[in-house]
Amino acid sequence: MRGRQSNVCLGPMTHAGGSTQSPLMGDIALRDRNRIIANLESLYRGSFQEAQDSSDSDRMSKLDFEFQRDQLLFEILLDIRDAFREAEPGPEGESLLEKAEKLRRITRLR
Protein backbone atom coordinates (compact mmCIF):
# COMPACT_ATOMS: atom_id res chain seq x y z
CA MET A 1 0.00 0.00 0.00
CA ARG A 2 2.92 2.25 -0.66
CA GLY A 3 2.30 5.71 -2.04
CA ARG A 4 -1.46 5.44 -1.81
CA GLN A 5 -3.70 7.56 0.37
CA SER A 6 -6.26 5.82 2.49
CA ASN A 7 -9.76 7.05 3.22
CA VAL A 8 -10.01 4.96 6.37
CA CYS A 9 -11.34 6.87 9.36
CA LEU A 10 -9.36 6.11 12.50
CA GLY A 11 -10.41 8.99 14.73
CA PRO A 12 -13.55 9.65 16.73
CA MET A 13 -16.73 10.22 14.76
CA THR A 14 -19.39 12.78 15.50
CA HIS A 15 -23.12 12.50 15.06
CA ALA A 16 -25.03 14.86 12.78
CA GLY A 17 -25.85 17.20 15.64
CA GLY A 18 -22.18 17.46 16.66
CA SER A 19 -22.54 15.11 19.63
CA THR A 20 -19.86 12.50 20.18
CA GLN A 21 -21.62 10.61 22.96
CA SER A 22 -21.70 6.83 22.96
CA PRO A 23 -23.02 4.38 25.57
CA LEU A 24 -19.83 2.30 25.44
CA MET A 25 -17.08 4.71 24.62
CA GLY A 26 -18.10 7.83 26.53
CA ASP A 27 -17.21 10.70 24.24
CA ILE A 28 -16.34 8.60 21.16
CA ALA A 29 -19.12 7.57 18.76
CA LEU A 30 -19.11 4.02 17.47
CA ARG A 31 -18.45 3.46 13.79
CA ASP A 32 -21.15 1.93 11.63
CA ARG A 33 -20.68 -1.77 10.83
CA ASN A 34 -20.93 -1.19 7.07
CA ARG A 35 -18.36 1.59 7.20
CA ILE A 36 -15.85 -0.60 9.04
CA ILE A 37 -16.24 -3.45 6.57
CA ALA A 38 -16.08 -1.04 3.61
CA ASN A 39 -12.82 0.44 4.97
CA LEU A 40 -11.37 -3.05 5.38
CA GLU A 41 -12.41 -3.96 1.85
CA SER A 42 -10.95 -0.73 0.47
CA LEU A 43 -7.58 -1.45 2.05
CA TYR A 44 -7.45 -4.98 0.70
CA ARG A 45 -8.67 -4.00 -2.78
CA GLY A 46 -5.75 -1.58 -3.15
CA SER A 47 -3.20 -4.19 -2.12
CA PHE A 48 -4.89 -6.84 -4.23
CA GLN A 49 -4.80 -4.55 -7.28
CA GLU A 50 -1.07 -3.97 -6.77
CA ALA A 51 -0.48 -7.72 -6.58
CA GLN A 52 -2.67 -8.28 -9.64
CA ASP A 53 -0.81 -5.57 -11.61
CA SER A 54 2.49 -7.28 -10.84
CA SER A 55 1.01 -10.74 -11.62
CA ASP A 56 1.87 -11.96 -8.11
CA SER A 57 -0.61 -14.82 -7.79
CA ASP A 58 0.84 -15.97 -4.46
CA ARG A 59 0.30 -12.52 -2.95
CA MET A 60 -3.21 -12.36 -4.43
CA SER A 61 -4.08 -15.69 -2.86
CA LYS A 62 -2.63 -14.64 0.49
CA LEU A 63 -4.53 -11.33 0.42
CA ASP A 64 -7.78 -13.11 -0.42
CA PHE A 65 -7.35 -15.41 2.58
CA GLU A 66 -6.32 -12.54 4.88
CA PHE A 67 -9.30 -10.46 3.83
CA GLN A 68 -11.75 -13.26 4.55
CA ARG A 69 -10.10 -13.96 7.92
CA ASP A 70 -10.04 -10.29 8.93
CA GLN A 71 -13.61 -9.76 7.78
CA LEU A 72 -14.75 -12.68 9.93
CA LEU A 73 -12.83 -11.38 12.95
CA PHE A 74 -14.29 -7.90 12.53
CA GLU A 75 -17.80 -9.34 12.22
CA ILE A 76 -17.29 -11.25 15.48
CA LEU A 77 -15.99 -8.16 17.26
CA LEU A 78 -18.85 -6.07 15.93
CA ASP A 79 -21.35 -8.70 17.09
CA ILE A 80 -19.84 -8.49 20.58
CA ARG A 81 -19.98 -4.70 20.47
CA ASP A 82 -23.61 -4.82 19.36
CA ALA A 83 -24.45 -7.31 22.12
CA PHE A 84 -23.16 -4.84 24.69
CA ARG A 85 -25.08 -1.97 23.09
CA GLU A 86 -28.35 -3.92 22.95
CA ALA A 87 -28.07 -5.44 26.40
CA GLU A 88 -30.61 -4.25 28.92
CA PRO A 89 -29.16 -1.88 31.45
CA GLY A 90 -27.91 -3.90 34.39
CA PRO A 91 -28.45 -3.12 38.03
CA GLU A 92 -26.85 0.09 39.21
CA GLY A 93 -23.21 -0.43 39.95
CA GLU A 94 -22.80 -3.38 37.58
CA SER A 95 -19.24 -3.20 36.27
CA LEU A 96 -18.06 -3.75 32.73
CA LEU A 97 -16.36 -6.92 33.96
CA GLU A 98 -19.68 -8.26 35.23
CA LYS A 99 -21.30 -7.45 31.89
CA ALA A 100 -18.45 -9.23 30.08
CA GLU A 101 -18.95 -12.29 32.30
CA LYS A 102 -22.65 -12.35 31.35
CA LEU A 103 -21.72 -12.15 27.67
CA ARG A 104 -19.24 -15.02 28.11
CA ARG A 105 -21.96 -17.17 29.70
CA ILE A 106 -24.36 -16.35 26.87
CA THR A 107 -21.83 -17.28 24.17
CA ARG A 108 -21.08 -20.59 25.89
CA LEU A 109 -24.72 -21.59 25.63
CA ARG A 110 -24.78 -21.28 21.84
C-alpha atoms as a PDB file:
ATOM      1  CA  MET A   1       0.000   0.000   0.000  1.00  0.00           C
ATOM      2  CA  ARG A   2       2.925   2.247  -0.659  1.00  0.00           C
ATOM      3  CA  GLY A   3       2.300   5.709  -2.038  1.00  0.00           C
ATOM      4  CA  ARG A   4      -1.464   5.445  -1.811  1.00  0.00           C
ATOM      5  CA  GLN A   5      -3.698   7.564   0.367  1.00  0.00           C
ATOM      6  CA  SER A   6      -6.261   5.819   2.488  1.00  0.00           C
ATOM      7  CA  ASN A   7      -9.764   7.049   3.218  1.00  0.00           C
ATOM      8  CA  VAL A   8     -10.010   4.958   6.371  1.00  0.00           C
ATOM      9  CA  CYS A   9     -11.344   6.874   9.356  1.00  0.00           C
ATOM     10  CA  LEU A  10      -9.359   6.105  12.498  1.00  0.00           C
ATOM     11  CA  GLY A  11     -10.405   8.993  14.732  1.00  0.00           C
ATOM     12  CA  PRO A  12     -13.548   9.650  16.728  1.00  0.00           C
ATOM     13  CA  MET A  13     -16.731  10.215  14.762  1.00  0.00           C
ATOM     14  CA  THR A  14     -19.394  12.777  15.496  1.00  0.00           C
ATOM     15  CA  HIS A  15     -23.120  12.497  15.063  1.00  0.00           C
ATOM     16  CA  ALA A  16     -25.033  14.858  12.776  1.00  0.00           C
ATOM     17  CA  GLY A  17     -25.847  17.204  15.636  1.00  0.00           C
ATOM     18  CA  GLY A  18     -22.181  17.458  16.659  1.00  0.00           C
ATOM     19  CA  SER A  19     -22.541  15.107  19.635  1.00  0.00           C
ATOM     20  CA  THR A  20     -19.863  12.496  20.178  1.00  0.00           C
ATOM     21  CA  GLN A  21     -21.620  10.612  22.958  1.00  0.00           C
ATOM     22  CA  SER A  22     -21.700   6.828  22.961  1.00  0.00           C
ATOM     23  CA  PRO A  23     -23.019   4.380  25.570  1.00  0.00           C
ATOM     24  CA  LEU A  24     -19.831   2.298  25.439  1.00  0.00           C
ATOM     25  CA  MET A  25     -17.078   4.714  24.620  1.00  0.00           C
ATOM     26  CA  GLY A  26     -18.101   7.832  26.534  1.00  0.00           C
ATOM     27  CA  ASP A  27     -17.214  10.702  24.237  1.00  0.00           C
ATOM     28  CA  ILE A  28     -16.345   8.598  21.159  1.00  0.00           C
ATOM     29  CA  ALA A  29     -19.115   7.567  18.759  1.00  0.00           C
ATOM     30  CA  LEU A  30     -19.107   4.016  17.473  1.00  0.00           C
ATOM     31  CA  ARG A  31     -18.447   3.455  13.793  1.00  0.00           C
ATOM     32  CA  ASP A  32     -21.146   1.931  11.632  1.00  0.00           C
ATOM     33  CA  ARG A  33     -20.682  -1.768  10.832  1.00  0.00           C
ATOM     34  CA  ASN A  34     -20.932  -1.192   7.073  1.00  0.00           C
ATOM     35  CA  ARG A  35     -18.355   1.593   7.199  1.00  0.00           C
ATOM     36  CA  ILE A  36     -15.850  -0.596   9.043  1.00  0.00           C
ATOM     37  CA  ILE A  37     -16.237  -3.449   6.569  1.00  0.00           C
ATOM     38  CA  ALA A  38     -16.080  -1.037   3.611  1.00  0.00           C
ATOM     39  CA  ASN A  39     -12.825   0.435   4.967  1.00  0.00           C
ATOM     40  CA  LEU A  40     -11.368  -3.045   5.377  1.00  0.00           C
ATOM     41  CA  GLU A  41     -12.413  -3.960   1.850  1.00  0.00           C
ATOM     42  CA  SER A  42     -10.952  -0.730   0.468  1.00  0.00           C
ATOM     43  CA  LEU A  43      -7.582  -1.453   2.045  1.00  0.00           C
ATOM     44  CA  TYR A  44      -7.453  -4.977   0.703  1.00  0.00           C
ATOM     45  CA  ARG A  45      -8.673  -3.997  -2.779  1.00  0.00           C
ATOM     46  CA  GLY A  46      -5.754  -1.583  -3.153  1.00  0.00           C
ATOM     47  CA  SER A  47      -3.197  -4.186  -2.124  1.00  0.00           C
ATOM     48  CA  PHE A  48      -4.891  -6.836  -4.229  1.00  0.00           C
ATOM     49  CA  GLN A  49      -4.804  -4.550  -7.280  1.00  0.00           C
ATOM     50  CA  GLU A  50      -1.074  -3.967  -6.770  1.00  0.00           C
ATOM     51  CA  ALA A  51      -0.478  -7.720  -6.584  1.00  0.00           C
ATOM     52  CA  GLN A  52      -2.665  -8.280  -9.643  1.00  0.00           C
ATOM     53  CA  ASP A  53      -0.815  -5.571 -11.611  1.00  0.00           C
ATOM     54  CA  SER A  54       2.491  -7.279 -10.837  1.00  0.00           C
ATOM     55  CA  SER A  55       1.012 -10.744 -11.620  1.00  0.00           C
ATOM     56  CA  ASP A  56       1.866 -11.957  -8.113  1.00  0.00           C
ATOM     57  CA  SER A  57      -0.607 -14.823  -7.788  1.00  0.00           C
ATOM     58  CA  ASP A  58       0.842 -15.973  -4.459  1.00  0.00           C
ATOM     59  CA  ARG A  59       0.305 -12.521  -2.947  1.00  0.00           C
ATOM     60  CA  MET A  60      -3.210 -12.355  -4.430  1.00  0.00           C
ATOM     61  CA  SER A  61      -4.077 -15.694  -2.863  1.00  0.00           C
ATOM     62  CA  LYS A  62      -2.634 -14.638   0.492  1.00  0.00           C
ATOM     63  CA  LEU A  63      -4.526 -11.335   0.421  1.00  0.00           C
ATOM     64  CA  ASP A  64      -7.777 -13.110  -0.415  1.00  0.00           C
ATOM     65  CA  PHE A  65      -7.351 -15.414   2.581  1.00  0.00           C
ATOM     66  CA  GLU A  66      -6.318 -12.544   4.879  1.00  0.00           C
ATOM     67  CA  PHE A  67      -9.301 -10.457   3.830  1.00  0.00           C
ATOM     68  CA  GLN A  68     -11.755 -13.257   4.552  1.00  0.00           C
ATOM     69  CA  ARG A  69     -10.098 -13.957   7.917  1.00  0.00           C
ATOM     70  CA  ASP A  70     -10.039 -10.293   8.934  1.00  0.00           C
ATOM     71  CA  GLN A  71     -13.615  -9.757   7.784  1.00  0.00           C
ATOM     72  CA  LEU A  72     -14.753 -12.677   9.931  1.00  0.00           C
ATOM     73  CA  LEU A  73     -12.829 -11.383  12.952  1.00  0.00           C
ATOM     74  CA  PHE A  74     -14.291  -7.899  12.535  1.00  0.00           C
ATOM     75  CA  GLU A  75     -17.795  -9.344  12.216  1.00  0.00           C
ATOM     76  CA  ILE A  76     -17.294 -11.246  15.480  1.00  0.00           C
ATOM     77  CA  LEU A  77     -15.987  -8.157  17.260  1.00  0.00           C
ATOM     78  CA  LEU A  78     -18.846  -6.069  15.926  1.00  0.00           C
ATOM     79  CA  ASP A  79     -21.350  -8.697  17.087  1.00  0.00           C
ATOM     80  CA  ILE A  80     -19.844  -8.495  20.576  1.00  0.00           C
ATOM     81  CA  ARG A  81     -19.983  -4.702  20.472  1.00  0.00           C
ATOM     82  CA  ASP A  82     -23.612  -4.819  19.360  1.00  0.00           C
ATOM     83  CA  ALA A  83     -24.451  -7.306  22.115  1.00  0.00           C
ATOM     84  CA  PHE A  84     -23.160  -4.837  24.694  1.00  0.00           C
ATOM     85  CA  ARG A  85     -25.078  -1.973  23.092  1.00  0.00           C
ATOM     86  CA  GLU A  86     -28.345  -3.917  22.954  1.00  0.00           C
ATOM     87  CA  ALA A  87     -28.071  -5.435  26.404  1.00  0.00           C
ATOM     88  CA  GLU A  88     -30.613  -4.251  28.918  1.00  0.00           C
ATOM     89  CA  PRO A  89     -29.156  -1.880  31.447  1.00  0.00           C
ATOM     90  CA  GLY A  90     -27.913  -3.895  34.390  1.00  0.00           C
ATOM     91  CA  PRO A  91     -28.450  -3.115  38.027  1.00  0.00           C
ATOM     92  CA  GLU A  92     -26.851   0.090  39.207  1.00  0.00           C
ATOM     93  CA  GLY A  93     -23.206  -0.434  39.952  1.00  0.00           C
ATOM     94  CA  GLU A  94     -22.797  -3.378  37.576  1.00  0.00           C
ATOM     95  CA  SER A  95     -19.241  -3.203  36.272  1.00  0.00           C
ATOM     96  CA  LEU A  96     -18.065  -3.754  32.726  1.00  0.00           C
ATOM     97  CA  LEU A  97     -16.356  -6.921  33.956  1.00  0.00           C
ATOM     98  CA  GLU A  98     -19.684  -8.258  35.230  1.00  0.00           C
ATOM     99  CA  LYS A  99     -21.299  -7.451  31.888  1.00  0.00           C
ATOM    100  CA  ALA A 100     -18.449  -9.234  30.084  1.00  0.00           C
ATOM    101  CA  GLU A 101     -18.949 -12.287  32.298  1.00  0.00           C
ATOM    102  CA  LYS A 102     -22.651 -12.348  31.354  1.00  0.00           C
ATOM    103  CA  LEU A 103     -21.716 -12.151  27.669  1.00  0.00           C
ATOM    104  CA  ARG A 104     -19.241 -15.016  28.109  1.00  0.00           C
ATOM    105  CA  ARG A 105     -21.956 -17.170  29.702  1.00  0.00           C
ATOM    106  CA  ILE A 106     -24.364 -16.350  26.868  1.00  0.00           C
ATOM    107  CA  THR A 107     -21.835 -17.280  24.169  1.00  0.00           C
ATOM    108  CA  ARG A 108     -21.077 -20.591  25.892  1.00  0.00           C
ATOM    109  CA  LEU A 109     -24.724 -21.587  25.626  1.00  0.00           C
ATOM    110  CA  ARG A 110     -24.775 -21.278  21.837  1.00  0.00           C
END
